[in-house]
């Protein structure tokens, strides 16, 4: 366990602690001596609470973790729940490409409105907000994207949700005078999840060799531990301000991920072969056929067009310089994710 810093007995309220990022934030905060109050939608669901409580058990600090039941879509009760906390980390969202667009967007935008309004009422001095590089945008292609960039258009409900909710967060922060810091992660890899997110849900199929050839879909990558660390450091460092892109392994592709899986785990059936963009129509057709048999559609014509309009060229320089993060390697990102699925 990390050495407890002076003054680190402060209390942090974290929403969405059952998620991949949220539960790692809980562990990182507990390791650094913080008291954590975390919200989940159902305290009676073991899949939402057991893995979070396990962190406190592992670190022998059950007295510093409290879980409460709350839904970000419900406006009532949040200011009372977070009253007296030193900071709010708002991570709760629906990270999905299959849920209804209304659910994804409402959870993000209404949830942000409810939590930022509650932070104002409860006089929370600092808010750390979990956004995404989806709100930065992958265009224009061929130029490094920075914190000054914004998504200009997308077909994906998740991308719309992250963009609109972050904009709403900044509007409310300005209106209420809230000290808001935003973390914009890339594709989050690493173990320690209950439900695989879209950033990693293709790993089992890749491991099983269900992709004979793999598309060169661009994806920026970061380890979940670094995302958690970025949230804490953005809170701790007074000079930190604005947005922070955390996507150190830029200009990667799904094809490179699958190749790395095979290189690091030769016994898997992951493919090292990439398919040229000119032949992506074959992937779209195969995806359509699989959809006829009930498989989730990932490679629709519209989706593929969106994937290749931009690239994965994101700058994480600000996070490196201001937050001082030393990033987990790409190899570690792959290793920890695969090992979680092989357990």
C-alpha atoms as a PDB file:
ATOM      1  CA  UNK A   1       0.000   0.000   0.000  1.00  0.00           C
ATOM      2  CA  UNK A   2       1.249   3.477  -0.897  1.00  0.00           C
ATOM      3  CA  UNK A   3       2.420   5.777   1.854  1.00  0.00           C
ATOM      4  CA  UNK A   4      -0.434   7.936   3.115  1.00  0.00           C
ATOM      5  CA  UNK A   5       0.237  11.578   2.335  1.00  0.00           C
ATOM      6  CA  UNK A   6      -0.280  14.378   4.896  1.00  0.00           C
ATOM      7  CA  UNK A   7      -3.852  15.624   4.673  1.00  0.00           C
ATOM      8  CA  UNK A   8      -4.976  12.698   2.553  1.00  0.00           C
ATOM      9  CA  UNK A   9      -7.730  11.830   5.014  1.00  0.00           C
ATOM     10  CA  UNK A  10      -9.944  13.936   2.748  1.00  0.00           C
ATOM     11  CA  UNK A  11     -13.181  12.446   1.442  1.00  0.00           C
ATOM     12  CA  UNK A  12     -13.847  11.990  -2.276  1.00  0.00           C
ATOM     13  CA  UNK A  13     -17.270  11.170  -3.695  1.00  0.00           C
ATOM     14  CA  UNK A  14     -17.057   8.984  -6.822  1.00  0.00           C
ATOM     15  CA  UNK A  15     -20.041   8.189  -9.048  1.00  0.00           C
ATOM     16  CA  UNK A  16     -20.207   4.985 -11.082  1.00  0.00           C
ATOM     17  CA  UNK A  17     -17.706   3.080  -8.944  1.00  0.00           C
ATOM     18  CA  UNK A  18     -18.740  -0.280 -10.383  1.00  0.00           C
ATOM     19  CA  UNK A  19     -17.402   0.621 -13.840  1.00  0.00           C
ATOM     20  CA  UNK A  20     -13.988  -0.225 -15.277  1.00  0.00           C
ATOM     21  CA  UNK A  21     -12.593   3.267 -14.652  1.00  0.00           C
ATOM     22  CA  UNK A  22     -14.639   3.955 -11.524  1.00  0.00           C
ATOM     23  CA  UNK A  23     -13.512   0.957  -9.505  1.00  0.00           C
ATOM     24  CA  UNK A  24      -9.857   1.629 -10.371  1.00  0.00           C
ATOM     25  CA  UNK A  25     -10.296   5.207  -9.176  1.00  0.00           C
ATOM     26  CA  UNK A  26     -11.599   3.816  -5.887  1.00  0.00           C
ATOM     27  CA  UNK A  27      -8.547   1.596  -5.462  1.00  0.00           C
ATOM     28  CA  UNK A  28      -6.095   4.359  -6.371  1.00  0.00           C
ATOM     29  CA  UNK A  29      -7.716   6.772  -3.904  1.00  0.00           C
ATOM     30  CA  UNK A  30      -7.769   4.181  -1.120  1.00  0.00           C
ATOM     31  CA  UNK A  31      -4.110   3.346  -1.783  1.00  0.00           C
ATOM     32  CA  UNK A  32      -3.291   7.016  -1.273  1.00  0.00           C
ATOM     33  CA  UNK A  33      -5.140   7.367   2.003  1.00  0.00           C
ATOM     34  CA  UNK A  34      -8.401   8.972   0.927  1.00  0.00           C
ATOM     35  CA  UNK A  35     -11.842   8.231   2.301  1.00  0.00           C
ATOM     36  CA  UNK A  36     -14.115   7.242  -0.577  1.00  0.00           C
ATOM     37  CA  UNK A  37     -17.878   7.414  -0.865  1.00  0.00           C
ATOM     38  CA  UNK A  38     -19.032   5.666  -4.039  1.00  0.00           C
ATOM     39  CA  UNK A  39     -22.418   5.513  -5.710  1.00  0.00           C
ATOM     40  CA  UNK A  40     -23.977   2.557  -7.516  1.00  0.00           C
ATOM     41  CA  UNK A  41     -27.519   2.086  -8.810  1.00  0.00           C
ATOM     42  CA  UNK A  42     -28.160  -1.136  -6.868  1.00  0.00           C
ATOM     43  CA  UNK A  43     -26.423  -2.011  -3.603  1.00  0.00           C
ATOM     44  CA  UNK A  44     -28.018  -5.467  -3.673  1.00  0.00           C
ATOM     45  CA  UNK A  45     -26.382  -6.460  -6.964  1.00  0.00           C
ATOM     46  CA  UNK A  46     -23.115  -8.319  -6.209  1.00  0.00           C
ATOM     47  CA  UNK A  47     -21.800  -7.534  -9.707  1.00  0.00           C
ATOM     48  CA  UNK A  48     -21.927  -3.835  -8.865  1.00  0.00           C
ATOM     49  CA  UNK A  49     -20.460  -3.864  -5.367  1.00  0.00           C
ATOM     50  CA  UNK A  50     -18.380  -6.952  -4.569  1.00  0.00           C
ATOM     51  CA  UNK A  51     -15.357  -6.034  -6.726  1.00  0.00           C
ATOM     52  CA  UNK A  52     -15.394  -2.477  -5.358  1.00  0.00           C
ATOM     53  CA  UNK A  53     -15.500  -3.611  -1.736  1.00  0.00           C
ATOM     54  CA  UNK A  54     -12.715  -6.079  -2.482  1.00  0.00           C
ATOM     55  CA  UNK A  55     -10.305  -3.172  -2.947  1.00  0.00           C
ATOM     56  CA  UNK A  56     -10.902  -2.055   0.644  1.00  0.00           C
ATOM     57  CA  UNK A  57     -10.530  -5.630   1.866  1.00  0.00           C
ATOM     58  CA  UNK A  58      -7.257  -6.057  -0.040  1.00  0.00           C
ATOM     59  CA  UNK A  59      -5.898  -2.837   1.435  1.00  0.00           C
ATOM     60  CA  UNK A  60      -7.283  -3.445   4.940  1.00  0.00           C
ATOM     61  CA  UNK A  61      -9.171  -0.151   4.973  1.00  0.00           C
ATOM     62  CA  UNK A  62     -12.859  -1.078   4.998  1.00  0.00           C
ATOM     63  CA  UNK A  63     -13.471   1.901   7.292  1.00  0.00           C
ATOM     64  CA  UNK A  64     -12.471   4.305   4.489  1.00  0.00           C
ATOM     65  CA  UNK A  65     -14.955   3.048   1.863  1.00  0.00           C
ATOM     66  CA  UNK A  66     -18.693   3.649   1.912  1.00  0.00           C
ATOM     67  CA  UNK A  67     -21.081   2.708  -0.898  1.00  0.00           C
ATOM     68  CA  UNK A  68     -24.438   4.407  -1.382  1.00  0.00           C
ATOM     69  CA  UNK A  69     -27.330   3.686  -3.738  1.00  0.00           C
ATOM     70  CA  UNK A  70     -28.167   6.460  -6.198  1.00  0.00           C
ATOM     71  CA  UNK A  71     -29.077   6.984  -9.859  1.00  0.00           C
ATOM     72  CA  UNK A  72     -27.650   9.925 -11.805  1.00  0.00           C
ATOM     73  CA  UNK A  73     -30.942  10.209 -13.713  1.00  0.00           C
ATOM     74  CA  UNK A  74     -32.650  11.089 -10.424  1.00  0.00           C
ATOM     75  CA  UNK A  75     -32.121  14.745  -9.562  1.00  0.00           C
ATOM     76  CA  UNK A  76     -33.065  14.394  -5.902  1.00  0.00           C
ATOM     77  CA  UNK A  77     -30.743  13.730  -3.011  1.00  0.00           C
ATOM     78  CA  UNK A  78     -27.361  14.315  -4.618  1.00  0.00           C
ATOM     79  CA  UNK A  79     -26.474  17.522  -2.790  1.00  0.00           C
ATOM     80  CA  UNK A  80     -27.151  15.782   0.540  1.00  0.00           C
ATOM     81  CA  UNK A  81     -25.158  12.709  -0.525  1.00  0.00           C
ATOM     82  CA  UNK A  82     -22.027  14.675  -1.423  1.00  0.00           C
ATOM     83  CA  UNK A  83     -22.297  17.297   1.328  1.00  0.00           C
ATOM     84  CA  UNK A  84     -19.067  17.572   3.302  1.00  0.00           C
ATOM     85  CA  UNK A  85     -16.883  15.892   0.681  1.00  0.00           C
ATOM     86  CA  UNK A  86     -13.687  17.555  -0.485  1.00  0.00           C
ATOM     87  CA  UNK A  87     -14.199  16.698  -4.146  1.00  0.00           C
ATOM     88  CA  UNK A  88     -16.531  15.001  -6.604  1.00  0.00           C
ATOM     89  CA  UNK A  89     -15.239  12.587  -9.254  1.00  0.00           C
ATOM     90  CA  UNK A  90     -18.059  12.082 -11.758  1.00  0.00           C
ATOM     91  CA  UNK A  91     -17.434   8.955 -13.832  1.00  0.00           C
ATOM     92  CA  UNK A  92     -20.935   7.461 -14.164  1.00  0.00           C
ATOM     93  CA  UNK A  93     -22.034   6.978 -17.776  1.00  0.00           C
ATOM     94  CA  UNK A  94     -23.387   4.351 -20.153  1.00  0.00           C
ATOM     95  CA  UNK A  95     -20.406   3.172 -22.218  1.00  0.00           C
ATOM     96  CA  UNK A  96     -22.168   1.155 -24.877  1.00  0.00           C
ATOM     97  CA  UNK A  97     -22.696   0.889 -28.604  1.00  0.00           C
ATOM     98  CA  UNK A  98     -25.812  -1.251 -28.247  1.00  0.00           C
ATOM     99  CA  UNK A  99     -28.066   0.478 -25.686  1.00  0.00           C
ATOM    100  CA  UNK A 100     -30.754   2.842 -26.908  1.00  0.00           C
ATOM    101  CA  UNK A 101     -29.436   6.263 -27.904  1.00  0.00           C
ATOM    102  CA  UNK A 102     -31.877   8.020 -25.569  1.00  0.00           C
ATOM    103  CA  UNK A 103     -30.585   6.077 -22.554  1.00  0.00           C
ATOM    104  CA  UNK A 104     -26.933   6.730 -23.421  1.00  0.00           C
ATOM    105  CA  UNK A 105     -27.389  10.449 -24.054  1.00  0.00           C
ATOM    106  CA  UNK A 106     -29.812  11.121 -21.179  1.00  0.00           C
ATOM    107  CA  UNK A 107     -27.588   9.371 -18.643  1.00  0.00           C
ATOM    108  CA  UNK A 108     -24.636  11.491 -19.716  1.00  0.00           C
ATOM    109  CA  UNK A 109     -26.265  14.912 -20.109  1.00  0.00           C
ATOM    110  CA  UNK A 110     -28.916  14.765 -17.374  1.00  0.00           C
ATOM    111  CA  UNK A 111     -26.514  13.016 -15.013  1.00  0.00           C
ATOM    112  CA  UNK A 112     -23.934  15.754 -15.537  1.00  0.00           C
ATOM    113  CA  UNK A 113     -26.544  18.443 -14.932  1.00  0.00           C
ATOM    114  CA  UNK A 114     -27.728  16.801 -11.712  1.00  0.00           C
ATOM    115  CA  UNK A 115     -24.226  16.210 -10.325  1.00  0.00           C
ATOM    116  CA  UNK A 116     -22.758  19.614 -11.184  1.00  0.00           C
ATOM    117  CA  UNK A 117     -25.830  21.346  -9.779  1.00  0.00           C
ATOM    118  CA  UNK A 118     -25.506  19.277  -6.606  1.00  0.00           C
ATOM    119  CA  UNK A 119     -21.800  20.126  -6.358  1.00  0.00           C
ATOM    120  CA  UNK A 120     -22.736  23.805  -6.472  1.00  0.00           C
ATOM    121  CA  UNK A 121     -25.400  23.395  -3.783  1.00  0.00           C
ATOM    122  CA  UNK A 122     -23.066  21.360  -1.560  1.00  0.00           C
ATOM    123  CA  UNK A 123     -20.196  23.820  -2.135  1.00  0.00           C
ATOM    124  CA  UNK A 124     -17.830  21.116  -3.396  1.00  0.00           C
ATOM    125  CA  UNK A 125     -14.550  22.961  -4.073  1.00  0.00           C
ATOM    126  CA  UNK A 126     -13.279  20.836  -6.977  1.00  0.00           C
ATOM    127  CA  UNK A 127     -14.866  18.476  -9.526  1.00  0.00           C
ATOM    128  CA  UNK A 128     -13.016  15.938 -11.677  1.00  0.00           C
ATOM    129  CA  UNK A 129     -15.095  14.870 -14.661  1.00  0.00           C
ATOM    130  CA  UNK A 130     -14.577  11.755 -16.795  1.00  0.00           C
ATOM    131  CA  UNK A 131     -15.036  12.550 -20.472  1.00  0.00           C
ATOM    132  CA  UNK A 132     -13.401  10.835 -23.463  1.00  0.00           C
ATOM    133  CA  UNK A 133     -11.317  11.507 -26.557  1.00  0.00           C
ATOM    134  CA  UNK A 134     -14.676  10.998 -28.264  1.00  0.00           C
ATOM    135  CA  UNK A 135     -15.393  14.578 -27.163  1.00  0.00           C
ATOM    136  CA  UNK A 136     -12.050  15.724 -28.633  1.00  0.00           C
ATOM    137  CA  UNK A 137     -12.783  14.175 -32.033  1.00  0.00           C
ATOM    138  CA  UNK A 138     -10.582  12.221 -34.421  1.00  0.00           C
ATOM    139  CA  UNK A 139     -10.547  14.868 -37.154  1.00  0.00           C
ATOM    140  CA  UNK A 140      -8.918  16.577 -38.956  1.00  0.00           C
ATOM    141  CA  UNK A 141      -7.007  13.532 -40.090  1.00  0.00           C
ATOM    142  CA  UNK A 142      -3.229  13.814 -40.209  1.00  0.00           C
ATOM    143  CA  UNK A 143      -2.920  16.398 -37.441  1.00  0.00           C
ATOM    144  CA  UNK A 144      -2.251  15.818 -33.751  1.00  0.00           C
ATOM    145  CA  UNK A 145      -5.364  16.551 -31.724  1.00  0.00           C
ATOM    146  CA  UNK A 146      -5.035  18.490 -28.456  1.00  0.00           C
ATOM    147  CA  UNK A 147      -7.253  19.701 -25.630  1.00  0.00           C
ATOM    148  CA  UNK A 148      -8.248  22.666 -27.831  1.00  0.00           C
ATOM    149  CA  UNK A 149     -10.089  20.363 -30.242  1.00  0.00           C
ATOM    150  CA  UNK A 150     -13.750  19.371 -30.068  1.00  0.00           C
ATOM    151  CA  UNK A 151     -15.800  16.697 -31.770  1.00  0.00           C
ATOM    152  CA  UNK A 152     -17.651  18.299 -34.681  1.00  0.00           C
ATOM    153  CA  UNK A 153     -20.048  15.520 -35.624  1.00  0.00           C
ATOM    154  CA  UNK A 154     -20.733  11.824 -35.111  1.00  0.00           C
ATOM    155  CA  UNK A 155     -23.313   9.134 -35.796  1.00  0.00           C
ATOM    156  CA  UNK A 156     -22.516   7.336 -32.517  1.00  0.00           C
ATOM    157  CA  UNK A 157     -24.852   7.984 -29.555  1.00  0.00           C
ATOM    158  CA  UNK A 158     -21.937   7.437 -27.172  1.00  0.00           C
ATOM    159  CA  UNK A 159     -19.817  10.071 -28.930  1.00  0.00           C
ATOM    160  CA  UNK A 160     -22.734  12.507 -28.970  1.00  0.00           C
ATOM    161  CA  UNK A 161     -23.328  11.788 -25.276  1.00  0.00           C
ATOM    162  CA  UNK A 162     -19.719  12.391 -24.228  1.00  0.00           C
ATOM    163  CA  UNK A 163     -19.425  15.568 -26.305  1.00  0.00           C
ATOM    164  CA  UNK A 164     -22.705  17.123 -25.199  1.00  0.00           C
ATOM    165  CA  UNK A 165     -22.276  16.142 -21.566  1.00  0.00           C
ATOM    166  CA  UNK A 166     -18.771  17.589 -21.354  1.00  0.00           C
ATOM    167  CA  UNK A 167     -19.941  20.830 -22.954  1.00  0.00           C
ATOM    168  CA  UNK A 168     -22.745  20.906 -20.409  1.00  0.00           C
ATOM    169  CA  UNK A 169     -20.233  20.378 -17.606  1.00  0.00           C
ATOM    170  CA  UNK A 170     -18.187  23.364 -18.753  1.00  0.00           C
ATOM    171  CA  UNK A 171     -21.322  25.524 -19.061  1.00  0.00           C
ATOM    172  CA  UNK A 172     -22.386  24.683 -15.514  1.00  0.00           C
ATOM    173  CA  UNK A 173     -18.854  25.115 -14.148  1.00  0.00           C
ATOM    174  CA  UNK A 174     -18.763  28.621 -15.604  1.00  0.00           C
ATOM    175  CA  UNK A 175     -22.264  29.407 -14.351  1.00  0.00           C
ATOM    176  CA  UNK A 176     -21.601  28.138 -10.822  1.00  0.00           C
ATOM    177  CA  UNK A 177     -17.920  29.059 -10.528  1.00  0.00           C
ATOM    178  CA  UNK A 178     -16.870  25.429 -10.072  1.00  0.00           C
ATOM    179  CA  UNK A 179     -13.205  24.417 -10.313  1.00  0.00           C
ATOM    180  CA  UNK A 180     -13.676  21.741 -12.987  1.00  0.00           C
ATOM    181  CA  UNK A 181     -10.928  19.508 -14.381  1.00  0.00           C
ATOM    182  CA  UNK A 182     -11.730  17.030 -17.168  1.00  0.00           C
ATOM    183  CA  UNK A 183     -10.037  13.742 -18.074  1.00  0.00           C
ATOM    184  CA  UNK A 184     -10.352  12.631 -21.735  1.00  0.00           C
ATOM    185  CA  UNK A 185      -9.157   9.001 -21.965  1.00  0.00           C
ATOM    186  CA  UNK A 186      -8.574   7.028 -25.139  1.00  0.00           C
ATOM    187  CA  UNK A 187      -9.523   3.354 -25.424  1.00  0.00           C
ATOM    188  CA  UNK A 188      -9.138   2.084 -21.859  1.00  0.00           C
ATOM    189  CA  UNK A 189      -7.399  -1.307 -21.583  1.00  0.00           C
ATOM    190  CA  UNK A 190      -6.366  -3.340 -18.565  1.00  0.00           C
ATOM    191  CA  UNK A 191      -7.959  -5.851 -16.221  1.00  0.00           C
ATOM    192  CA  UNK A 192     -10.204  -5.398 -13.220  1.00  0.00           C
ATOM    193  CA  UNK A 193     -13.615  -5.152 -14.854  1.00  0.00           C
ATOM    194  CA  UNK A 194     -16.880  -7.022 -14.398  1.00  0.00           C
ATOM    195  CA  UNK A 195     -18.540  -6.113 -17.686  1.00  0.00           C
ATOM    196  CA  UNK A 196     -16.238  -5.591 -20.708  1.00  0.00           C
ATOM    197  CA  UNK A 197     -16.586  -2.157 -22.279  1.00  0.00           C
ATOM    198  CA  UNK A 198     -16.577  -1.510 -26.054  1.00  0.00           C
ATOM    199  CA  UNK A 199     -12.865  -0.694 -25.716  1.00  0.00           C
ATOM    200  CA  UNK A 200     -12.120  -4.338 -24.888  1.00  0.00           C
ATOM    201  CA  UNK A 201     -15.197  -6.435 -25.695  1.00  0.00           C
ATOM    202  CA  UNK A 202     -13.619  -7.626 -28.960  1.00  0.00           C
ATOM    203  CA  UNK A 203     -10.694  -9.258 -27.121  1.00  0.00           C
ATOM    204  CA  UNK A 204     -12.382 -12.662 -26.591  1.00  0.00           C
ATOM    205  CA  UNK A 205     -13.181 -12.948 -30.318  1.00  0.00           C
ATOM    206  CA  UNK A 206      -9.644 -11.879 -31.190  1.00  0.00           C
ATOM    207  CA  UNK A 207      -8.157 -14.413 -28.757  1.00  0.00           C
ATOM    208  CA  UNK A 208     -10.380 -17.154 -30.206  1.00  0.00           C
ATOM    209  CA  UNK A 209      -9.303 -16.360 -33.769  1.00  0.00           C
ATOM    210  CA  UNK A 210     -12.701 -15.198 -34.962  1.00  0.00           C
ATOM    211  CA  UNK A 211     -11.014 -12.415 -36.953  1.00  0.00           C
ATOM    212  CA  UNK A 212      -8.975 -14.163 -39.709  1.00  0.00           C
ATOM    213  CA  UNK A 213      -7.934 -10.738 -40.906  1.00  0.00           C
ATOM    214  CA  UNK A 214      -8.230  -7.611 -38.790  1.00  0.00           C
ATOM    215  CA  UNK A 215      -9.214  -4.082 -39.868  1.00  0.00           C
ATOM    216  CA  UNK A 216      -6.838  -1.188 -39.305  1.00  0.00           C
ATOM    217  CA  UNK A 217      -9.398   0.781 -37.325  1.00  0.00           C
ATOM    218  CA  UNK A 218      -7.596   3.573 -35.458  1.00  0.00           C
ATOM    219  CA  UNK A 219      -7.677   3.535 -31.656  1.00  0.00           C
ATOM    220  CA  UNK A 220      -5.682   5.510 -29.056  1.00  0.00           C
ATOM    221  CA  UNK A 221      -4.877   3.405 -25.999  1.00  0.00           C
ATOM    222  CA  UNK A 222      -4.304   3.969 -22.282  1.00  0.00           C
ATOM    223  CA  UNK A 223      -4.115   1.666 -19.277  1.00  0.00           C
ATOM    224  CA  UNK A 224      -6.968   1.927 -16.789  1.00  0.00           C
ATOM    225  CA  UNK A 225      -4.508   2.452 -13.923  1.00  0.00           C
ATOM    226  CA  UNK A 226      -3.184   5.555 -15.663  1.00  0.00           C
ATOM    227  CA  UNK A 227      -6.718   6.875 -16.125  1.00  0.00           C
ATOM    228  CA  UNK A 228      -7.387   6.434 -12.410  1.00  0.00           C
ATOM    229  CA  UNK A 229      -4.082   8.087 -11.545  1.00  0.00           C
ATOM    230  CA  UNK A 230      -4.872  11.021 -13.836  1.00  0.00           C
ATOM    231  CA  UNK A 231      -8.109  11.701 -11.954  1.00  0.00           C
ATOM    232  CA  UNK A 232      -6.356  11.790  -8.588  1.00  0.00           C
ATOM    233  CA  UNK A 233      -3.462  13.942  -9.796  1.00  0.00           C
ATOM    234  CA  UNK A 234      -5.822  16.386 -11.508  1.00  0.00           C
ATOM    235  CA  UNK A 235      -7.439  16.812  -8.104  1.00  0.00           C
ATOM    236  CA  UNK A 236      -4.220  17.014  -6.090  1.00  0.00           C
ATOM    237  CA  UNK A 237      -2.235  19.413  -8.294  1.00  0.00           C
ATOM    238  CA  UNK A 238      -3.533  22.938  -7.788  1.00  0.00           C
ATOM    239  CA  UNK A 239      -2.001  24.195 -11.036  1.00  0.00           C
ATOM    240  CA  UNK A 240      -3.883  21.575 -13.068  1.00  0.00           C
ATOM    241  CA  UNK A 241      -6.727  23.110 -15.045  1.00  0.00           C
ATOM    242  CA  UNK A 242      -8.883  22.431 -18.067  1.00  0.00           C
ATOM    243  CA  UNK A 243      -8.929  19.200 -20.065  1.00  0.00           C
ATOM    244  CA  UNK A 244      -6.356  16.390 -20.049  1.00  0.00           C
ATOM    245  CA  UNK A 245      -6.066  13.907 -22.898  1.00  0.00           C
ATOM    246  CA  UNK A 246      -4.822  10.577 -21.539  1.00  0.00           C
ATOM    247  CA  UNK A 247      -4.101   8.471 -24.617  1.00  0.00           C
ATOM    248  CA  UNK A 248      -0.328   7.916 -24.661  1.00  0.00           C
ATOM    249  CA  UNK A 249      -0.338   5.044 -27.157  1.00  0.00           C
ATOM    250  CA  UNK A 250      -1.581   6.980 -30.131  1.00  0.00           C
ATOM    251  CA  UNK A 251      -1.930   5.989 -33.768  1.00  0.00           C
ATOM    252  CA  UNK A 252      -2.579   2.374 -32.835  1.00  0.00           C
ATOM    253  CA  UNK A 253      -5.088   0.191 -34.692  1.00  0.00           C
ATOM    254  CA  UNK A 254      -7.249  -2.820 -33.867  1.00  0.00           C
ATOM    255  CA  UNK A 255      -4.979  -4.808 -36.206  1.00  0.00           C
ATOM    256  CA  UNK A 256      -1.922  -3.824 -34.124  1.00  0.00           C
ATOM    257  CA  UNK A 257      -3.733  -4.817 -30.940  1.00  0.00           C
ATOM    258  CA  UNK A 258      -4.507  -8.284 -32.345  1.00  0.00           C
ATOM    259  CA  UNK A 259      -0.925  -8.686 -33.553  1.00  0.00           C
ATOM    260  CA  UNK A 260       0.326  -7.759 -30.084  1.00  0.00           C
ATOM    261  CA  UNK A 261      -2.034 -10.321 -28.521  1.00  0.00           C
ATOM    262  CA  UNK A 262      -0.553 -13.039 -30.738  1.00  0.00           C
ATOM    263  CA  UNK A 263       3.028 -11.929 -30.107  1.00  0.00           C
ATOM    264  CA  UNK A 264       2.603 -11.850 -26.328  1.00  0.00           C
ATOM    265  CA  UNK A 265       0.328 -14.899 -26.116  1.00  0.00           C
ATOM    266  CA  UNK A 266       1.404 -17.242 -28.973  1.00  0.00           C
ATOM    267  CA  UNK A 267      -0.994 -19.978 -27.817  1.00  0.00           C
ATOM    268  CA  UNK A 268      -3.995 -17.788 -28.685  1.00  0.00           C
ATOM    269  CA  UNK A 269      -5.527 -17.775 -32.146  1.00  0.00           C
ATOM    270  CA  UNK A 270      -5.281 -14.018 -32.593  1.00  0.00           C
ATOM    271  CA  UNK A 271      -4.478 -12.986 -36.139  1.00  0.00           C
ATOM    272  CA  UNK A 272      -1.416 -11.033 -37.216  1.00  0.00           C
ATOM    273  CA  UNK A 273      -2.923 -10.293 -40.620  1.00  0.00           C
ATOM    274  CA  UNK A 274      -4.478  -6.910 -41.364  1.00  0.00           C
ATOM    275  CA  UNK A 275      -7.024  -6.207 -44.076  1.00  0.00           C
ATOM    276  CA  UNK A 276      -6.486  -3.200 -46.361  1.00  0.00           C
ATOM    277  CA  UNK A 277      -9.101  -0.470 -46.190  1.00  0.00           C
ATOM    278  CA  UNK A 278      -9.957  -1.119 -49.849  1.00  0.00           C
ATOM    279  CA  UNK A 279     -11.273  -4.562 -48.853  1.00  0.00           C
ATOM    280  CA  UNK A 280     -13.329  -3.433 -45.866  1.00  0.00           C
ATOM    281  CA  UNK A 281     -16.501  -4.157 -47.831  1.00  0.00           C
ATOM    282  CA  UNK A 282     -15.780  -7.840 -47.149  1.00  0.00           C
ATOM    283  CA  UNK A 283     -15.755  -7.162 -43.393  1.00  0.00           C
ATOM    284  CA  UNK A 284     -19.017  -5.221 -43.673  1.00  0.00           C
ATOM    285  CA  UNK A 285     -20.628  -8.110 -45.583  1.00  0.00           C
ATOM    286  CA  UNK A 286     -19.397 -10.675 -43.061  1.00  0.00           C
ATOM    287  CA  UNK A 287     -20.688  -8.510 -40.210  1.00  0.00           C
ATOM    288  CA  UNK A 288     -24.087  -8.331 -41.940  1.00  0.00           C
ATOM    289  CA  UNK A 289     -24.202 -12.104 -42.307  1.00  0.00           C
ATOM    290  CA  UNK A 290     -23.330 -12.642 -38.646  1.00  0.00           C
ATOM    291  CA  UNK A 291     -26.030 -10.147 -37.715  1.00  0.00           C
ATOM    292  CA  UNK A 292     -28.600 -12.365 -39.409  1.00  0.00           C
ATOM    293  CA  UNK A 293     -27.754 -15.015 -36.831  1.00  0.00           C
ATOM    294  CA  UNK A 294     -28.088 -12.670 -33.874  1.00  0.00           C
ATOM    295  CA  UNK A 295     -24.513 -11.400 -33.509  1.00  0.00           C
ATOM    296  CA  UNK A 296     -23.998  -7.789 -32.465  1.00  0.00           C
ATOM    297  CA  UNK A 297     -23.310  -5.566 -35.475  1.00  0.00           C
ATOM    298  CA  UNK A 298     -19.968  -3.792 -35.148  1.00  0.00           C
ATOM    299  CA  UNK A 299     -18.938  -3.162 -38.752  1.00  0.00           C
ATOM    300  CA  UNK A 300     -21.901  -1.557 -40.459  1.00  0.00           C
ATOM    301  CA  UNK A 301     -21.179   0.565 -43.526  1.00  0.00           C
ATOM    302  CA  UNK A 302     -21.931   3.710 -41.532  1.00  0.00           C
ATOM    303  CA  UNK A 303     -19.669   2.655 -38.661  1.00  0.00           C
ATOM    304  CA  UNK A 304     -16.752   1.792 -40.944  1.00  0.00           C
ATOM    305  CA  UNK A 305     -17.040   5.134 -42.726  1.00  0.00           C
ATOM    306  CA  UNK A 306     -16.907   6.900 -39.356  1.00  0.00           C
ATOM    307  CA  UNK A 307     -13.886   4.885 -38.200  1.00  0.00           C
ATOM    308  CA  UNK A 308     -11.763   5.984 -41.153  1.00  0.00           C
ATOM    309  CA  UNK A 309     -12.769   9.645 -41.358  1.00  0.00           C
ATOM    310  CA  UNK A 310     -10.238  10.469 -38.657  1.00  0.00           C
ATOM    311  CA  UNK A 311      -7.215   8.944 -36.940  1.00  0.00           C
ATOM    312  CA  UNK A 312      -5.881   8.165 -33.472  1.00  0.00           C
ATOM    313  CA  UNK A 313      -3.323  10.969 -33.326  1.00  0.00           C
ATOM    314  CA  UNK A 314      -3.894  12.498 -29.879  1.00  0.00           C
ATOM    315  CA  UNK A 315      -1.408  14.444 -27.785  1.00  0.00           C
ATOM    316  CA  UNK A 316      -1.043  13.449 -24.134  1.00  0.00           C
ATOM    317  CA  UNK A 317       1.754  15.986 -23.596  1.00  0.00           C
ATOM    318  CA  UNK A 318      -0.266  18.175 -21.233  1.00  0.00           C
ATOM    319  CA  UNK A 319      -1.041  15.202 -18.970  1.00  0.00           C
ATOM    320  CA  UNK A 320       2.613  14.150 -19.035  1.00  0.00           C
ATOM    321  CA  UNK A 321       3.901  17.653 -18.281  1.00  0.00           C
ATOM    322  CA  UNK A 322       1.321  18.895 -15.761  1.00  0.00           C
ATOM    323  CA  UNK A 323       0.292  15.656 -14.054  1.00  0.00           C
ATOM    324  CA  UNK A 324       3.701  14.010 -14.385  1.00  0.00           C
ATOM    325  CA  UNK A 325       2.321  10.612 -15.362  1.00  0.00           C
ATOM    326  CA  UNK A 326       4.763   7.903 -16.405  1.00  0.00           C
ATOM    327  CA  UNK A 327       2.598   5.782 -18.654  1.00  0.00           C
ATOM    328  CA  UNK A 328       2.122   2.027 -18.521  1.00  0.00           C
ATOM    329  CA  UNK A 329       3.566   0.441 -21.677  1.00  0.00           C
ATOM    330  CA  UNK A 330       1.462  -0.697 -24.637  1.00  0.00           C
ATOM    331  CA  UNK A 331       2.613  -4.246 -23.909  1.00  0.00           C
ATOM    332  CA  UNK A 332       1.310  -3.998 -20.338  1.00  0.00           C
ATOM    333  CA  UNK A 333      -2.036  -2.703 -21.636  1.00  0.00           C
ATOM    334  CA  UNK A 334      -2.341  -5.792 -23.834  1.00  0.00           C
ATOM    335  CA  UNK A 335      -1.050  -8.241 -21.228  1.00  0.00           C
ATOM    336  CA  UNK A 336      -3.324  -7.147 -18.415  1.00  0.00           C
ATOM    337  CA  UNK A 337      -6.400  -7.159 -20.651  1.00  0.00           C
ATOM    338  CA  UNK A 338      -5.761 -10.604 -22.138  1.00  0.00           C
ATOM    339  CA  UNK A 339      -4.930 -12.148 -18.771  1.00  0.00           C
ATOM    340  CA  UNK A 340      -8.251 -10.929 -17.379  1.00  0.00           C
ATOM    341  CA  UNK A 341     -10.126 -12.755 -20.137  1.00  0.00           C
ATOM    342  CA  UNK A 342      -8.014 -15.909 -19.780  1.00  0.00           C
ATOM    343  CA  UNK A 343      -8.729 -16.284 -16.050  1.00  0.00           C
END
